[in-house]
Amino acid sequence: IFLCGSALSAHHESDPAGMARATVASLMKVISSPLPRTPLAAIDKEKCSLCLTCLRVCPYGAPFLGEGEMSISAEICQGCGMCLALCPSVAIEMPPADLRAEVGGVEMGGGLK
């Protein structure tokens, strides 16, 4: 009980199986909750020329055109860097900043090496 229960004390509890079930239920609630996603790529609306390159090259389908501007879905983006590397307007941002220089053998904003 001390290891899997509430750890209030090391003495014998009247219902150790019940405490174990309650502990497991609490743990399952915590680990089954979805974690919030931090966007991996973002489009600088000021730089974006709406060329749709990001839309064409993303293998996950994360970029989308909505109300006259491009956006990237945080839920879908996997951070592969294809949009970042191939954007001719250099409008894609992706933290950390050191990924901006080179992503996966492709130079940013200019095509393949």
Foldseek 3Di string as FASTA:
>chain_A
DCVQAPVPDPDDDPCPVVRNVVSVVVVCVVVVDDDDFDAFKFFQQVQDPPPCPCCVFDPQNQWDDDPHTITGHRVRDPNQCPCQQQPLSNGMDGPPPVPNQDGDQGGGNPGHD
